[in-house]
Amino acid sequence: MKRNVKEDLGLMLNSLQLFGVYSGLELNTKPEKGEDEYHTDAIGYLCTDYEGEVTPDENQAIEAGLFKLDQLPEETDPFIKKKLIELKGKFEKY
């Protein structure tokens, strides 16, 4: 995880705490127009100790940023948003 974040986002993560591993029907996605259905497994980490600025790798075609839990972008996946809200109490103690 630390290596991928460094390569893809330019951040050096000094510590990580696993807060959840999620799987199930809620994460199944069935695209429109007969495209293949796919399943996502989500793994969440809490990192409060990092260095650097968010600078996404131009070759990855991703957008990235740091957001407060009450200011998540509208396009945040509903499942992820729900889990972050459920875990907000756990985050606030850090």
PDB file of N, CA and C in Angstrom:
ATOM      1  N   MET A   1       0.825  -1.180   0.000  1.00  0.00           N
ATOM      2  CA  MET A   1       0.000   0.000   0.000  1.00  0.00           C
ATOM      3  C   MET A   1       0.876   1.254   0.000  1.00  0.00           C
ATOM      4  N   LYS A   2       1.876   1.267   0.876  1.00  0.00           N
ATOM      5  CA  LYS A   2       2.740   2.445   0.962  1.00  0.00           C
ATOM      6  C   LYS A   2       3.450   2.717  -0.359  1.00  0.00           C
ATOM      7  N   ARG A   3       3.951   1.653  -0.998  1.00  0.00           N
ATOM      8  CA  ARG A   3       4.660   1.822  -2.274  1.00  0.00           C
ATOM      9  C   ARG A   3       3.711   2.335  -3.358  1.00  0.00           C
ATOM     10  N   ASN A   4       2.512   1.766  -3.440  1.00  0.00           N
ATOM     11  CA  ASN A   4       1.549   2.199  -4.460  1.00  0.00           C
ATOM     12  C   ASN A   4       1.148   3.654  -4.278  1.00  0.00           C
ATOM     13  N   VAL A   5       0.902   4.067  -3.060  1.00  0.00           N
ATOM     14  CA  VAL A   5       0.515   5.457  -2.803  1.00  0.00           C
ATOM     15  C   VAL A   5       1.659   6.398  -3.165  1.00  0.00           C
ATOM     16  N   LYS A   6       2.886   6.019  -2.833  1.00  0.00           N
ATOM     17  CA  LYS A   6       4.043   6.845  -3.187  1.00  0.00           C
ATOM     18  C   LYS A   6       4.158   6.982  -4.703  1.00  0.00           C
ATOM     19  N   GLU A   7       4.050   5.867  -5.420  1.00  0.00           N
ATOM     20  CA  GLU A   7       4.189   5.888  -6.879  1.00  0.00           C
ATOM     21  C   GLU A   7       3.023   6.604  -7.559  1.00  0.00           C
ATOM     22  N   ASP A   8       1.800   6.353  -7.104  1.00  0.00           N
ATOM     23  CA  ASP A   8       0.620   6.866  -7.797  1.00  0.00           C
ATOM     24  C   ASP A   8       0.185   8.256  -7.351  1.00  0.00           C
ATOM     25  N   LEU A   9       0.469   8.623  -6.087  1.00  0.00           N
ATOM     26  CA  LEU A   9      -0.029   9.893  -5.551  1.00  0.00           C
ATOM     27  C   LEU A   9       1.051  10.819  -5.021  1.00  0.00           C
ATOM     28  N   GLY A  10       2.281  10.343  -4.901  1.00  0.00           N
ATOM     29  CA  GLY A  10       3.362  11.185  -4.429  1.00  0.00           C
ATOM     30  C   GLY A  10       3.419  11.385  -2.929  1.00  0.00           C
ATOM     31  N   LEU A  11       2.635  10.635  -2.163  1.00  0.00           N
ATOM     32  CA  LEU A  11       2.636  10.762  -0.704  1.00  0.00           C
ATOM     33  C   LEU A  11       3.439   9.633  -0.068  1.00  0.00           C
ATOM     34  N   MET A  12       4.216   9.965   0.964  1.00  0.00           N
ATOM     35  CA  MET A  12       4.930   8.969   1.747  1.00  0.00           C
ATOM     36  C   MET A  12       4.092   8.714   3.007  1.00  0.00           C
ATOM     37  N   LEU A  13       3.523   7.518   3.103  1.00  0.00           N
ATOM     38  CA  LEU A  13       2.719   7.158   4.267  1.00  0.00           C
ATOM     39  C   LEU A  13       3.636   6.607   5.350  1.00  0.00           C
ATOM     40  N   ASN A  14       3.632   7.243   6.510  1.00  0.00           N
ATOM     41  CA  ASN A  14       4.509   6.817   7.598  1.00  0.00           C
ATOM     42  C   ASN A  14       3.875   5.751   8.477  1.00  0.00           C
ATOM     43  N   SER A  15       2.562   5.738   8.554  1.00  0.00           N
ATOM     44  CA  SER A  15       1.887   4.713   9.346  1.00  0.00           C
ATOM     45  C   SER A  15       0.505   4.464   8.751  1.00  0.00           C
ATOM     46  N   LEU A  16       0.048   3.237   8.876  1.00  0.00           N
ATOM     47  CA  LEU A  16      -1.274   2.849   8.381  1.00  0.00           C
ATOM     48  C   LEU A  16      -1.964   1.999   9.424  1.00  0.00           C
ATOM     49  N   GLN A  17      -3.285   2.174   9.526  1.00  0.00           N
ATOM     50  CA  GLN A  17      -4.078   1.312  10.392  1.00  0.00           C
ATOM     51  C   GLN A  17      -5.260   0.798   9.573  1.00  0.00           C
ATOM     52  N   LEU A  18      -5.359  -0.511   9.446  1.00  0.00           N
ATOM     53  CA  LEU A  18      -6.468  -1.121   8.736  1.00  0.00           C
ATOM     54  C   LEU A  18      -7.758  -0.854   9.499  1.00  0.00           C
ATOM     55  N   PHE A  19      -8.791  -0.332   8.817  1.00  0.00           N
ATOM     56  CA  PHE A  19     -10.059  -0.144   9.520  1.00  0.00           C
ATOM     57  C   PHE A  19     -11.189  -0.960   8.930  1.00  0.00           C
ATOM     58  N   GLY A  20     -10.978  -1.618   7.789  1.00  0.00           N
ATOM     59  CA  GLY A  20     -12.043  -2.469   7.277  1.00  0.00           C
ATOM     60  C   GLY A  20     -11.712  -3.133   5.958  1.00  0.00           C
ATOM     61  N   VAL A  21     -12.263  -4.334   5.789  1.00  0.00           N
ATOM     62  CA  VAL A  21     -12.206  -5.058   4.529  1.00  0.00           C
ATOM     63  C   VAL A  21     -13.653  -5.377   4.179  1.00  0.00           C
ATOM     64  N   TYR A  22     -14.076  -4.967   2.989  1.00  0.00           N
ATOM     65  CA  TYR A  22     -15.481  -5.061   2.623  1.00  0.00           C
ATOM     66  C   TYR A  22     -15.650  -5.820   1.315  1.00  0.00           C
ATOM     67  N   SER A  23     -16.700  -6.650   1.291  1.00  0.00           N
ATOM     68  CA  SER A  23     -17.025  -7.436   0.120  1.00  0.00           C
ATOM     69  C   SER A  23     -18.505  -7.763   0.216  1.00  0.00           C
ATOM     70  N   GLY A  24     -19.112  -8.120  -0.895  1.00  0.00           N
ATOM     71  CA  GLY A  24     -20.507  -8.530  -0.855  1.00  0.00           C
ATOM     72  C   GLY A  24     -21.304  -7.983  -2.016  1.00  0.00           C
ATOM     73  N   LEU A  25     -22.576  -8.328  -2.039  1.00  0.00           N
ATOM     74  CA  LEU A  25     -23.458  -7.944  -3.137  1.00  0.00           C
ATOM     75  C   LEU A  25     -23.540  -6.435  -3.328  1.00  0.00           C
ATOM     76  N   GLU A  26     -23.415  -5.690  -2.254  1.00  0.00           N
ATOM     77  CA  GLU A  26     -23.493  -4.225  -2.335  1.00  0.00           C
ATOM     78  C   GLU A  26     -22.381  -3.641  -3.217  1.00  0.00           C
ATOM     79  N   LEU A  27     -21.317  -4.402  -3.411  1.00  0.00           N
ATOM     80  CA  LEU A  27     -20.195  -3.923  -4.218  1.00  0.00           C
ATOM     81  C   LEU A  27     -20.204  -4.470  -5.650  1.00  0.00           C
ATOM     82  N   ASN A  28     -21.224  -5.245  -6.008  1.00  0.00           N
ATOM     83  CA  ASN A  28     -21.341  -5.709  -7.395  1.00  0.00           C
ATOM     84  C   ASN A  28     -21.784  -4.543  -8.272  1.00  0.00           C
ATOM     85  N   THR A  29     -21.220  -4.454  -9.448  1.00  0.00           N
ATOM     86  CA  THR A  29     -21.568  -3.400 -10.388  1.00  0.00           C
ATOM     87  C   THR A  29     -21.939  -4.031 -11.720  1.00  0.00           C
ATOM     88  N   LYS A  30     -23.107  -3.679 -12.204  1.00  0.00           N
ATOM     89  CA  LYS A  30     -23.547  -4.172 -13.504  1.00  0.00           C
ATOM     90  C   LYS A  30     -23.702  -2.975 -14.430  1.00  0.00           C
ATOM     91  N   PRO A  31     -22.705  -2.751 -15.270  1.00  0.00           N
ATOM     92  CA  PRO A  31     -22.767  -1.617 -16.192  1.00  0.00           C
ATOM     93  C   PRO A  31     -23.917  -1.753 -17.184  1.00  0.00           C
ATOM     94  N   GLU A  32     -24.252  -0.657 -17.803  1.00  0.00           N
ATOM     95  CA  GLU A  32     -25.307  -0.640 -18.812  1.00  0.00           C
ATOM     96  C   GLU A  32     -24.797  -1.212 -20.131  1.00  0.00           C
ATOM     97  N   LYS A  33     -25.694  -1.425 -21.048  1.00  0.00           N
ATOM     98  CA  LYS A  33     -25.396  -1.826 -22.430  1.00  0.00           C
ATOM     99  C   LYS A  33     -24.678  -3.166 -22.536  1.00  0.00           C
ATOM    100  N   GLY A  34     -25.014  -4.112 -21.660  1.00  0.00           N
ATOM    101  CA  GLY A  34     -24.496  -5.455 -21.790  1.00  0.00           C
ATOM    102  C   GLY A  34     -23.027  -5.652 -21.462  1.00  0.00           C
ATOM    103  N   GLU A  35     -22.385  -4.662 -20.871  1.00  0.00           N
ATOM    104  CA  GLU A  35     -20.985  -4.820 -20.486  1.00  0.00           C
ATOM    105  C   GLU A  35     -20.887  -5.815 -19.330  1.00  0.00           C
ATOM    106  N   ASP A  36     -19.697  -6.325 -19.089  1.00  0.00           N
ATOM    107  CA  ASP A  36     -19.499  -7.323 -18.045  1.00  0.00           C
ATOM    108  C   ASP A  36     -19.757  -6.754 -16.660  1.00  0.00           C
ATOM    109  N   GLU A  37     -20.384  -7.569 -15.832  1.00  0.00           N
ATOM    110  CA  GLU A  37     -20.570  -7.229 -14.420  1.00  0.00           C
ATOM    111  C   GLU A  37     -19.238  -7.448 -13.716  1.00  0.00           C
ATOM    112  N   TYR A  38     -18.958  -6.643 -12.718  1.00  0.00           N
ATOM    113  CA  TYR A  38     -17.729  -6.850 -11.958  1.00  0.00           C
ATOM    114  C   TYR A  38     -17.984  -6.654 -10.481  1.00  0.00           C
ATOM    115  N   HIS A  39     -17.068  -7.159  -9.680  1.00  0.00           N
ATOM    116  CA  HIS A  39     -17.175  -7.111  -8.226  1.00  0.00           C
ATOM    117  C   HIS A  39     -15.941  -6.422  -7.657  1.00  0.00           C
ATOM    118  N   THR A  40     -16.172  -5.566  -6.705  1.00  0.00           N
ATOM    119  CA  THR A  40     -15.088  -4.850  -6.055  1.00  0.00           C
ATOM    120  C   THR A  40     -14.952  -5.317  -4.615  1.00  0.00           C
ATOM    121  N   ASP A  41     -13.738  -5.507  -4.169  1.00  0.00           N
ATOM    122  CA  ASP A  41     -13.438  -5.690  -2.755  1.00  0.00           C
ATOM    123  C   ASP A  41     -12.778  -4.393  -2.306  1.00  0.00           C
ATOM    124  N   ALA A  42     -13.215  -3.848  -1.193  1.00  0.00           N
ATOM    125  CA  ALA A  42     -12.681  -2.581  -0.707  1.00  0.00           C
ATOM    126  C   ALA A  42     -11.908  -2.814   0.593  1.00  0.00           C
ATOM    127  N   ILE A  43     -10.719  -2.212   0.665  1.00  0.00           N
ATOM    128  CA  ILE A  43      -9.889  -2.300   1.862  1.00  0.00           C
ATOM    129  C   ILE A  43      -9.607  -0.871   2.303  1.00  0.00           C
ATOM    130  N   GLY A  44      -9.967  -0.549   3.537  1.00  0.00           N
ATOM    131  CA  GLY A  44      -9.797   0.815   4.034  1.00  0.00           C
ATOM    132  C   GLY A  44      -8.703   0.911   5.078  1.00  0.00           C
ATOM    133  N   TYR A  45      -7.893   1.956   4.937  1.00  0.00           N
ATOM    134  CA  TYR A  45      -6.822   2.236   5.894  1.00  0.00           C
ATOM    135  C   TYR A  45      -6.966   3.657   6.418  1.00  0.00           C
ATOM    136  N   LEU A  46      -6.548   3.865   7.631  1.00  0.00           N
ATOM    137  CA  LEU A  46      -6.469   5.187   8.229  1.00  0.00           C
ATOM    138  C   LEU A  46      -4.995   5.577   8.284  1.00  0.00           C
ATOM    139  N   CYS A  47      -4.670   6.757   7.765  1.00  0.00           N
ATOM    140  CA  CYS A  47      -3.307   7.261   7.822  1.00  0.00           C
ATOM    141  C   CYS A  47      -3.360   8.699   8.317  1.00  0.00           C
ATOM    142  N   THR A  48      -2.747   8.940   9.459  1.00  0.00           N
ATOM    143  CA  THR A  48      -2.707  10.291  10.021  1.00  0.00           C
ATOM    144  C   THR A  48      -1.292  10.865  10.011  1.00  0.00           C
ATOM    145  N   ASP A  49      -0.350  10.087   9.526  1.00  0.00           N
ATOM    146  CA  ASP A  49       1.047  10.515   9.508  1.00  0.00           C
ATOM    147  C   ASP A  49       1.614  10.275   8.112  1.00  0.00           C
ATOM    148  N   TYR A  50       1.689  11.359   7.335  1.00  0.00           N
ATOM    149  CA  TYR A  50       2.182  11.250   5.961  1.00  0.00           C
ATOM    150  C   TYR A  50       2.997  12.484   5.611  1.00  0.00           C
ATOM    151  N   GLU A  51       3.758  12.366   4.530  1.00  0.00           N
ATOM    152  CA  GLU A  51       4.581  13.480   4.065  1.00  0.00           C
ATOM    153  C   GLU A  51       4.323  13.702   2.578  1.00  0.00           C
ATOM    154  N   GLY A  52       4.428  14.953   2.158  1.00  0.00           N
ATOM    155  CA  GLY A  52       4.308  15.281   0.745  1.00  0.00           C
ATOM    156  C   GLY A  52       2.973  15.902   0.386  1.00  0.00           C
ATOM    157  N   GLU A  53       2.824  16.164  -0.885  1.00  0.00           N
ATOM    158  CA  GLU A  53       1.606  16.745  -1.443  1.00  0.00           C
ATOM    159  C   GLU A  53       0.979  15.736  -2.398  1.00  0.00           C
ATOM    160  N   VAL A  54      -0.344  15.759  -2.510  1.00  0.00           N
ATOM    161  CA  VAL A  54      -1.027  14.877  -3.448  1.00  0.00           C
ATOM    162  C   VAL A  54      -0.693  15.332  -4.866  1.00  0.00           C
ATOM    163  N   THR A  55       0.051  14.496  -5.575  1.00  0.00           N
ATOM    164  CA  THR A  55       0.419  14.772  -6.965  1.00  0.00           C
ATOM    165  C   THR A  55       0.236  13.481  -7.754  1.00  0.00           C
ATOM    166  N   PRO A  56      -0.976  13.258  -8.305  1.00  0.00           N
ATOM    167  CA  PRO A  56      -1.250  12.012  -9.030  1.00  0.00           C
ATOM    168  C   PRO A  56      -0.305  11.806 -10.210  1.00  0.00           C
ATOM    169  N   ASP A  57       0.104  10.568 -10.403  1.00  0.00           N
ATOM    170  CA  ASP A  57       0.921  10.184 -11.543  1.00  0.00           C
ATOM    171  C   ASP A  57       0.131  10.461 -12.814  1.00  0.00           C
ATOM    172  N   GLU A  58       0.669  11.241 -13.712  1.00  0.00           N
ATOM    173  CA  GLU A  58      -0.018  11.625 -14.942  1.00  0.00           C
ATOM    174  C   GLU A  58      -0.367  10.415 -15.801  1.00  0.00           C
ATOM    175  N   ASN A  59       0.367   9.333 -15.682  1.00  0.00           N
ATOM    176  CA  ASN A  59       0.114   8.134 -16.486  1.00  0.00           C
ATOM    177  C   ASN A  59      -1.020   7.269 -15.939  1.00  0.00           C
ATOM    178  N   GLN A  60      -1.524   7.576 -14.740  1.00  0.00           N
ATOM    179  CA  GLN A  60      -2.557   6.758 -14.115  1.00  0.00           C
ATOM    180  C   GLN A  60      -3.981   7.216 -14.457  1.00  0.00           C
ATOM    181  N   ALA A  61      -4.143   8.421 -14.982  1.00  0.00           N
ATOM    182  CA  ALA A  61      -5.466   8.955 -15.326  1.00  0.00           C
ATOM    183  C   ALA A  61      -6.420   8.898 -14.132  1.00  0.00           C
ATOM    184  N   ILE A  62      -5.938   9.353 -12.954  1.00  0.00           N
ATOM    185  CA  ILE A  62      -6.769   9.383 -11.756  1.00  0.00           C
ATOM    186  C   ILE A  62      -6.796  10.791 -11.197  1.00  0.00           C
ATOM    187  N   GLU A  63      -7.856  11.076 -10.467  1.00  0.00           N
ATOM    188  CA  GLU A  63      -7.945  12.319  -9.710  1.00  0.00           C
ATOM    189  C   GLU A  63      -7.827  11.953  -8.241  1.00  0.00           C
ATOM    190  N   ALA A  64      -7.176  12.785  -7.471  1.00  0.00           N
ATOM    191  CA  ALA A  64      -6.992  12.483  -6.057  1.00  0.00           C
ATOM    192  C   ALA A  64      -6.954  13.769  -5.260  1.00  0.00           C
ATOM    193  N   GLY A  65      -7.346  13.671  -4.004  1.00  0.00           N
ATOM    194  CA  GLY A  65      -7.302  14.806  -3.108  1.00  0.00           C
ATOM    195  C   GLY A  65      -7.551  14.356  -1.683  1.00  0.00           C
ATOM    196  N   LEU A  66      -7.350  15.246  -0.750  1.00  0.00           N
ATOM    197  CA  LEU A  66      -7.640  15.000   0.662  1.00  0.00           C
ATOM    198  C   LEU A  66      -8.881  15.806   1.013  1.00  0.00           C
ATOM    199  N   PHE A  67      -9.839  15.164   1.667  1.00  0.00           N
ATOM    200  CA  PHE A  67     -11.104  15.808   1.981  1.00  0.00           C
ATOM    201  C   PHE A  67     -11.496  15.537   3.421  1.00  0.00           C
ATOM    202  N   LYS A  68     -12.155  16.497   4.048  1.00  0.00           N
ATOM    203  CA  LYS A  68     -12.753  16.274   5.358  1.00  0.00           C
ATOM    204  C   LYS A  68     -13.961  15.365   5.165  1.00  0.00           C
ATOM    205  N   LEU A  69     -14.276  14.565   6.196  1.00  0.00           N
ATOM    206  CA  LEU A  69     -15.378  13.616   6.072  1.00  0.00           C
ATOM    207  C   LEU A  69     -16.711  14.293   5.768  1.00  0.00           C
ATOM    208  N   ASP A  70     -16.893  15.515   6.225  1.00  0.00           N
ATOM    209  CA  ASP A  70     -18.154  16.206   5.951  1.00  0.00           C
ATOM    210  C   ASP A  70     -18.097  17.041   4.675  1.00  0.00           C
ATOM    211  N   GLN A  71     -17.028  16.872   3.889  1.00  0.00           N
ATOM    212  CA  GLN A  71     -16.888  17.616   2.635  1.00  0.00           C
ATOM    213  C   GLN A  71     -16.440  16.689   1.494  1.00  0.00           C
ATOM    214  N   LEU A  72     -16.937  15.460   1.500  1.00  0.00           N
ATOM    215  CA  LEU A  72     -16.581  14.511   0.451  1.00  0.00           C
ATOM    216  C   LEU A  72     -17.204  14.944  -0.876  1.00  0.00           C
ATOM    217  N   PRO A  73     -16.511  14.742  -1.976  1.00  0.00           N
ATOM    218  CA  PRO A  73     -17.060  15.097  -3.283  1.00  0.00           C
ATOM    219  C   PRO A  73     -18.355  14.331  -3.577  1.00  0.00           C
ATOM    220  N   GLU A  74     -19.256  14.946  -4.315  1.00  0.00           N
ATOM    221  CA  GLU A  74     -20.529  14.325  -4.677  1.00  0.00           C
ATOM    222  C   GLU A  74     -20.335  12.981  -5.355  1.00  0.00           C
ATOM    223  N   GLU A  75     -19.305  12.868  -6.190  1.00  0.00           N
ATOM    224  CA  GLU A  75     -19.109  11.644  -6.971  1.00  0.00           C
ATOM    225  C   GLU A  75     -18.481  10.497  -6.180  1.00  0.00           C
ATOM    226  N   THR A  76     -18.259  10.690  -4.882  1.00  0.00           N
ATOM    227  CA  THR A  76     -17.725   9.612  -4.052  1.00  0.00           C
ATOM    228  C   THR A  76     -18.691   8.435  -4.089  1.00  0.00           C
ATOM    229  N   ASP A  77     -18.163   7.250  -4.303  1.00  0.00           N
ATOM    230  CA  ASP A  77     -18.989   6.045  -4.365  1.00  0.00           C
ATOM    231  C   ASP A  77     -19.883   5.965  -3.129  1.00  0.00           C
ATOM    232  N   PRO A  78     -21.194   5.714  -3.308  1.00  0.00           N
ATOM    233  CA  PRO A  78     -22.120   5.676  -2.168  1.00  0.00           C
ATOM    234  C   PRO A  78     -21.720   4.677  -1.082  1.00  0.00           C
ATOM    235  N   PHE A  79     -21.205   3.517  -1.461  1.00  0.00           N
ATOM    236  CA  PHE A  79     -20.793   2.528  -0.474  1.00  0.00           C
ATOM    237  C   PHE A  79     -19.652   3.069   0.374  1.00  0.00           C
ATOM    238  N   ILE A  80     -18.649   3.662  -0.284  1.00  0.00           N
ATOM    239  CA  ILE A  80     -17.500   4.217   0.423  1.00  0.00           C
ATOM    240  C   ILE A  80     -17.946   5.352   1.343  1.00  0.00           C
ATOM    241  N   LYS A  81     -18.808   6.227   0.834  1.00  0.00           N
ATOM    242  CA  LYS A  81     -19.313   7.345   1.640  1.00  0.00           C
ATOM    243  C   LYS A  81     -20.041   6.824   2.887  1.00  0.00           C
ATOM    244  N   LYS A  82     -20.857   5.800   2.714  1.00  0.00           N
ATOM    245  CA  LYS A  82     -21.602   5.216   3.837  1.00  0.00           C
ATOM    246  C   LYS A  82     -20.638   4.668   4.896  1.00  0.00           C
ATOM    247  N   LYS A  83     -19.600   3.940   4.456  1.00  0.00           N
ATOM    248  CA  LYS A  83     -18.647   3.365   5.406  1.00  0.00           C
ATOM    249  C   LYS A  83     -17.864   4.454   6.141  1.00  0.00           C
ATOM    250  N   LEU A  84     -17.497   5.502   5.443  1.00  0.00           N
ATOM    251  CA  LEU A  84     -16.768   6.593   6.099  1.00  0.00           C
ATOM    252  C   LEU A  84     -17.642   7.285   7.145  1.00  0.00           C
ATOM    253  N   ILE A  85     -18.917   7.472   6.843  1.00  0.00           N
ATOM    254  CA  ILE A  85     -19.830   8.085   7.807  1.00  0.00           C
ATOM    255  C   ILE A  85     -19.988   7.176   9.028  1.00  0.00           C
ATOM    256  N   GLU A  86     -20.138   5.860   8.774  1.00  0.00           N
ATOM    257  CA  GLU A  86     -20.267   4.904   9.889  1.00  0.00           C
ATOM    258  C   GLU A  86     -19.028   4.914  10.787  1.00  0.00           C
ATOM    259  N   LEU A  87     -17.875   5.135  10.193  1.00  0.00           N
ATOM    260  CA  LEU A  87     -16.617   5.074  10.936  1.00  0.00           C
ATOM    261  C   LEU A  87     -16.145   6.437  11.442  1.00  0.00           C
ATOM    262  N   LYS A  88     -16.945   7.469  11.225  1.00  0.00           N
ATOM    263  CA  LYS A  88     -16.533   8.822  11.586  1.00  0.00           C
ATOM    264  C   LYS A  88     -16.109   8.926  13.060  1.00  0.00           C
ATOM    265  N   GLY A  89     -16.837   8.284  13.949  1.00  0.00           N
ATOM    266  CA  GLY A  89     -16.478   8.315  15.364  1.00  0.00           C
ATOM    267  C   GLY A  89     -15.085   7.761  15.618  1.00  0.00           C
ATOM    268  N   LYS A  90     -14.734   6.717  14.880  1.00  0.00           N
ATOM    269  CA  LYS A  90     -13.410   6.119  15.049  1.00  0.00           C
ATOM    270  C   LYS A  90     -12.323   7.093  14.549  1.00  0.00           C
ATOM    271  N   PHE A  91     -12.576   7.800  13.463  1.00  0.00           N
ATOM    272  CA  PHE A  91     -11.625   8.758  12.935  1.00  0.00           C
ATOM    273  C   PHE A  91     -11.418   9.930  13.880  1.00  0.00           C
ATOM    274  N   GLU A  92     -12.490  10.391  14.505  1.00  0.00           N
ATOM    275  CA  GLU A  92     -12.420  11.609  15.326  1.00  0.00           C
ATOM    276  C   GLU A  92     -11.511  11.463  16.532  1.00  0.00           C
ATOM    277  N   LYS A  93     -11.232  10.245  16.966  1.00  0.00           N
ATOM    278  CA  LYS A  93     -10.353  10.089  18.128  1.00  0.00           C
ATOM    279  C   LYS A  93      -8.887  10.261  17.776  1.00  0.00           C
ATOM    280  N   TYR A  94      -8.576  10.412  16.476  1.00  0.00           N
ATOM    281  CA  TYR A  94      -7.185  10.594  16.059  1.00  0.00           C
ATOM    282  C   TYR A  94      -6.876  12.024  15.903  1.00  0.00           C
TER     283      TYR A  94
END
